[in-house]
């Protein structure tokens, strides 16, 4: 594939992942990851670290974040994807009510690396002070 095709294919993987994420079907999300995928959440939250493999990412990290939100209140608004080659920058906003009673509105960015049609690496960034205050207080 040429660079344009790689870029389009990488962007499609992330778009499809983001669409699947809104369904809450965590087991279905496993198919987007390689066995060695890493997901790094920057910052100093209790969940900030590098998560390795689908079992940790889907089985531990995502549920720990979602458990801090009232499920029926959570809305994800995907606002953009920018891609070049195997790198894709995804931008979205989470809206919801935290189990603490706080309103949780969070602007998020993540850089995805796609290899062979799968997510190989993710580096996610958001306002960790807002998350600490609303979700981990």
C-alpha atoms as a PDB file:
ATOM      1  CA  UNK A   1       0.000   0.000   0.000  1.00  0.00           C
ATOM      2  CA  UNK A   2       1.120   3.539  -0.642  1.00  0.00           C
ATOM      3  CA  UNK A   3       1.135   6.180   2.122  1.00  0.00           C
ATOM      4  CA  UNK A   4      -2.321   7.510   1.203  1.00  0.00           C
ATOM      5  CA  UNK A   5      -3.809   4.039   1.423  1.00  0.00           C
ATOM      6  CA  UNK A   6      -2.081   3.353   4.757  1.00  0.00           C
ATOM      7  CA  UNK A   7      -3.418   6.661   6.092  1.00  0.00           C
ATOM      8  CA  UNK A   8      -6.981   5.899   4.958  1.00  0.00           C
ATOM      9  CA  UNK A   9      -6.845   2.359   6.354  1.00  0.00           C
ATOM     10  CA  UNK A  10      -5.441   3.551   9.709  1.00  0.00           C
ATOM     11  CA  UNK A  11      -8.113   6.218  10.001  1.00  0.00           C
ATOM     12  CA  UNK A  12     -10.834   3.649   9.236  1.00  0.00           C
ATOM     13  CA  UNK A  13      -9.611   1.350  12.036  1.00  0.00           C
ATOM     14  CA  UNK A  14      -9.805   4.154  14.606  1.00  0.00           C
ATOM     15  CA  UNK A  15     -13.180   5.388  13.306  1.00  0.00           C
ATOM     16  CA  UNK A  16     -14.585   1.866  13.548  1.00  0.00           C
ATOM     17  CA  UNK A  17     -13.114   1.423  17.035  1.00  0.00           C
ATOM     18  CA  UNK A  18     -14.651   4.701  18.228  1.00  0.00           C
ATOM     19  CA  UNK A  19     -18.049   3.722  16.809  1.00  0.00           C
ATOM     20  CA  UNK A  20     -17.843   0.296  18.483  1.00  0.00           C
ATOM     21  CA  UNK A  21     -16.807   1.889  21.787  1.00  0.00           C
ATOM     22  CA  UNK A  22     -20.175   3.621  22.058  1.00  0.00           C
ATOM     23  CA  UNK A  23     -21.987   0.257  22.076  1.00  0.00           C
ATOM     24  CA  UNK A  24     -20.452  -0.834  25.386  1.00  0.00           C
ATOM     25  CA  UNK A  25     -19.572  -4.240  23.904  1.00  0.00           C
ATOM     26  CA  UNK A  26     -16.145  -4.552  25.514  1.00  0.00           C
ATOM     27  CA  UNK A  27     -15.626  -8.109  24.262  1.00  0.00           C
ATOM     28  CA  UNK A  28     -16.250  -6.924  20.706  1.00  0.00           C
ATOM     29  CA  UNK A  29     -13.578  -4.259  21.162  1.00  0.00           C
ATOM     30  CA  UNK A  30     -10.899  -6.906  21.748  1.00  0.00           C
ATOM     31  CA  UNK A  31     -10.758  -7.592  18.022  1.00  0.00           C
ATOM     32  CA  UNK A  32      -9.324  -4.133  17.386  1.00  0.00           C
ATOM     33  CA  UNK A  33      -6.158  -4.833  19.411  1.00  0.00           C
ATOM     34  CA  UNK A  34      -3.032  -6.892  18.855  1.00  0.00           C
ATOM     35  CA  UNK A  35      -2.028  -9.219  21.703  1.00  0.00           C
ATOM     36  CA  UNK A  36       0.819  -6.771  22.506  1.00  0.00           C
ATOM     37  CA  UNK A  37      -1.129  -3.487  22.270  1.00  0.00           C
ATOM     38  CA  UNK A  38      -0.162  -0.843  24.817  1.00  0.00           C
ATOM     39  CA  UNK A  39      -2.436   1.946  26.064  1.00  0.00           C
ATOM     40  CA  UNK A  40      -0.745   4.702  28.040  1.00  0.00           C
ATOM     41  CA  UNK A  41      -2.814   7.144  30.056  1.00  0.00           C
ATOM     42  CA  UNK A  42      -0.675  10.148  30.936  1.00  0.00           C
ATOM     43  CA  UNK A  43      -0.893  11.838  34.315  1.00  0.00           C
ATOM     44  CA  UNK A  44      -1.081  10.860  37.946  1.00  0.00           C
ATOM     45  CA  UNK A  45      -4.533   9.294  38.311  1.00  0.00           C
ATOM     46  CA  UNK A  46      -4.849   5.899  40.005  1.00  0.00           C
ATOM     47  CA  UNK A  47      -5.323   4.446  36.489  1.00  0.00           C
ATOM     48  CA  UNK A  48      -2.470   6.403  34.853  1.00  0.00           C
ATOM     49  CA  UNK A  49       0.081   3.951  33.536  1.00  0.00           C
ATOM     50  CA  UNK A  50       0.762   1.790  30.510  1.00  0.00           C
ATOM     51  CA  UNK A  51      -1.798  -0.983  30.148  1.00  0.00           C
ATOM     52  CA  UNK A  52      -0.614  -3.995  28.138  1.00  0.00           C
ATOM     53  CA  UNK A  53      -2.705  -6.273  25.953  1.00  0.00           C
ATOM     54  CA  UNK A  54      -6.465  -6.483  25.454  1.00  0.00           C
ATOM     55  CA  UNK A  55      -7.059  -8.237  28.779  1.00  0.00           C
ATOM     56  CA  UNK A  56      -5.678  -5.276  30.741  1.00  0.00           C
ATOM     57  CA  UNK A  57      -7.068  -2.578  28.420  1.00  0.00           C
ATOM     58  CA  UNK A  58     -10.570  -4.000  27.965  1.00  0.00           C
ATOM     59  CA  UNK A  59     -10.781  -6.068  31.129  1.00  0.00           C
ATOM     60  CA  UNK A  60      -9.289  -3.626  33.648  1.00  0.00           C
ATOM     61  CA  UNK A  61      -8.596  -0.085  32.417  1.00  0.00           C
ATOM     62  CA  UNK A  62     -11.843   0.738  30.584  1.00  0.00           C
ATOM     63  CA  UNK A  63     -14.083  -0.826  33.264  1.00  0.00           C
ATOM     64  CA  UNK A  64     -12.262   1.127  36.014  1.00  0.00           C
ATOM     65  CA  UNK A  65     -13.010   4.376  34.198  1.00  0.00           C
ATOM     66  CA  UNK A  66     -16.603   3.507  33.239  1.00  0.00           C
ATOM     67  CA  UNK A  67     -17.410   2.278  36.779  1.00  0.00           C
ATOM     68  CA  UNK A  68     -16.898   5.831  38.027  1.00  0.00           C
ATOM     69  CA  UNK A  69     -19.690   7.133  35.801  1.00  0.00           C
ATOM     70  CA  UNK A  70     -23.455   6.677  35.930  1.00  0.00           C
ATOM     71  CA  UNK A  71     -23.790   4.385  32.873  1.00  0.00           C
ATOM     72  CA  UNK A  72     -26.988   5.859  31.429  1.00  0.00           C
ATOM     73  CA  UNK A  73     -25.510   9.374  31.650  1.00  0.00           C
ATOM     74  CA  UNK A  74     -22.410   8.725  29.548  1.00  0.00           C
ATOM     75  CA  UNK A  75     -22.261  10.274  26.089  1.00  0.00           C
ATOM     76  CA  UNK A  76     -19.228  10.343  23.829  1.00  0.00           C
ATOM     77  CA  UNK A  77     -19.023  12.946  21.108  1.00  0.00           C
ATOM     78  CA  UNK A  78     -16.334  12.228  18.526  1.00  0.00           C
ATOM     79  CA  UNK A  79     -15.145  15.488  17.048  1.00  0.00           C
ATOM     80  CA  UNK A  80     -12.336  14.578  14.717  1.00  0.00           C
ATOM     81  CA  UNK A  81      -9.685  12.300  13.330  1.00  0.00           C
ATOM     82  CA  UNK A  82      -6.419  13.393  11.763  1.00  0.00           C
ATOM     83  CA  UNK A  83      -4.194  10.744  10.222  1.00  0.00           C
ATOM     84  CA  UNK A  84      -0.835  10.379   8.558  1.00  0.00           C
ATOM     85  CA  UNK A  85       0.443   6.926   7.760  1.00  0.00           C
ATOM     86  CA  UNK A  86      -0.040   4.597  10.712  1.00  0.00           C
ATOM     87  CA  UNK A  87      -0.620   7.440  13.220  1.00  0.00           C
ATOM     88  CA  UNK A  88      -4.134   8.694  13.956  1.00  0.00           C
ATOM     89  CA  UNK A  89      -5.060  11.521  16.320  1.00  0.00           C
ATOM     90  CA  UNK A  90      -8.591  11.114  17.682  1.00  0.00           C
ATOM     91  CA  UNK A  91     -10.450  13.868  19.498  1.00  0.00           C
ATOM     92  CA  UNK A  92     -13.636  13.450  21.531  1.00  0.00           C
ATOM     93  CA  UNK A  93     -15.581  14.775  24.478  1.00  0.00           C
ATOM     94  CA  UNK A  94     -17.057  12.670  27.265  1.00  0.00           C
ATOM     95  CA  UNK A  95     -20.205  13.946  28.966  1.00  0.00           C
ATOM     96  CA  UNK A  96     -21.734  12.286  31.982  1.00  0.00           C
ATOM     97  CA  UNK A  97     -22.486  12.199  35.662  1.00  0.00           C
ATOM     98  CA  UNK A  98     -19.862  10.753  37.975  1.00  0.00           C
ATOM     99  CA  UNK A  99     -20.922   8.357  40.709  1.00  0.00           C
ATOM    100  CA  UNK A 100     -19.649  11.061  43.082  1.00  0.00           C
ATOM    101  CA  UNK A 101     -22.490  13.278  41.839  1.00  0.00           C
ATOM    102  CA  UNK A 102     -20.161  15.597  39.916  1.00  0.00           C
ATOM    103  CA  UNK A 103     -20.776  16.560  36.310  1.00  0.00           C
ATOM    104  CA  UNK A 104     -18.046  15.080  34.130  1.00  0.00           C
ATOM    105  CA  UNK A 105     -17.290  16.884  30.875  1.00  0.00           C
ATOM    106  CA  UNK A 106     -13.879  15.952  29.519  1.00  0.00           C
ATOM    107  CA  UNK A 107     -12.075  16.803  26.297  1.00  0.00           C
ATOM    108  CA  UNK A 108      -9.817  13.925  25.233  1.00  0.00           C
ATOM    109  CA  UNK A 109      -7.078  13.336  22.676  1.00  0.00           C
ATOM    110  CA  UNK A 110      -5.385  10.068  21.833  1.00  0.00           C
ATOM    111  CA  UNK A 111      -2.686   9.138  19.377  1.00  0.00           C
ATOM    112  CA  UNK A 112      -3.279   5.678  17.915  1.00  0.00           C
ATOM    113  CA  UNK A 113      -0.638   3.653  16.079  1.00  0.00           C
ATOM    114  CA  UNK A 114      -2.129   1.141  13.640  1.00  0.00           C
ATOM    115  CA  UNK A 115      -0.205  -1.872  12.354  1.00  0.00           C
ATOM    116  CA  UNK A 116      -1.594  -4.569  10.068  1.00  0.00           C
ATOM    117  CA  UNK A 117      -5.144  -3.289  10.560  1.00  0.00           C
ATOM    118  CA  UNK A 118      -5.011  -3.418  14.384  1.00  0.00           C
ATOM    119  CA  UNK A 119      -4.411  -0.912  17.160  1.00  0.00           C
ATOM    120  CA  UNK A 120      -0.804  -1.440  18.304  1.00  0.00           C
ATOM    121  CA  UNK A 121      -0.366   1.532  20.644  1.00  0.00           C
ATOM    122  CA  UNK A 122      -2.426   4.358  22.161  1.00  0.00           C
ATOM    123  CA  UNK A 123      -1.274   7.403  24.114  1.00  0.00           C
ATOM    124  CA  UNK A 124      -4.233   9.207  25.703  1.00  0.00           C
ATOM    125  CA  UNK A 125      -4.277  12.735  27.121  1.00  0.00           C
ATOM    126  CA  UNK A 126      -6.954  14.683  29.011  1.00  0.00           C
ATOM    127  CA  UNK A 127      -7.372  17.009  31.971  1.00  0.00           C
ATOM    128  CA  UNK A 128      -6.352  14.707  34.817  1.00  0.00           C
ATOM    129  CA  UNK A 129      -7.150  17.333  37.469  1.00  0.00           C
ATOM    130  CA  UNK A 130     -10.754  17.413  36.244  1.00  0.00           C
ATOM    131  CA  UNK A 131     -10.861  13.595  36.286  1.00  0.00           C
ATOM    132  CA  UNK A 132      -9.316  13.463  39.769  1.00  0.00           C
ATOM    133  CA  UNK A 133     -11.838  15.954  41.114  1.00  0.00           C
ATOM    134  CA  UNK A 134     -14.933  14.460  39.492  1.00  0.00           C
ATOM    135  CA  UNK A 135     -14.143  10.743  39.342  1.00  0.00           C
ATOM    136  CA  UNK A 136     -11.549   9.906  41.961  1.00  0.00           C
ATOM    137  CA  UNK A 137     -12.423  12.306  44.802  1.00  0.00           C
END
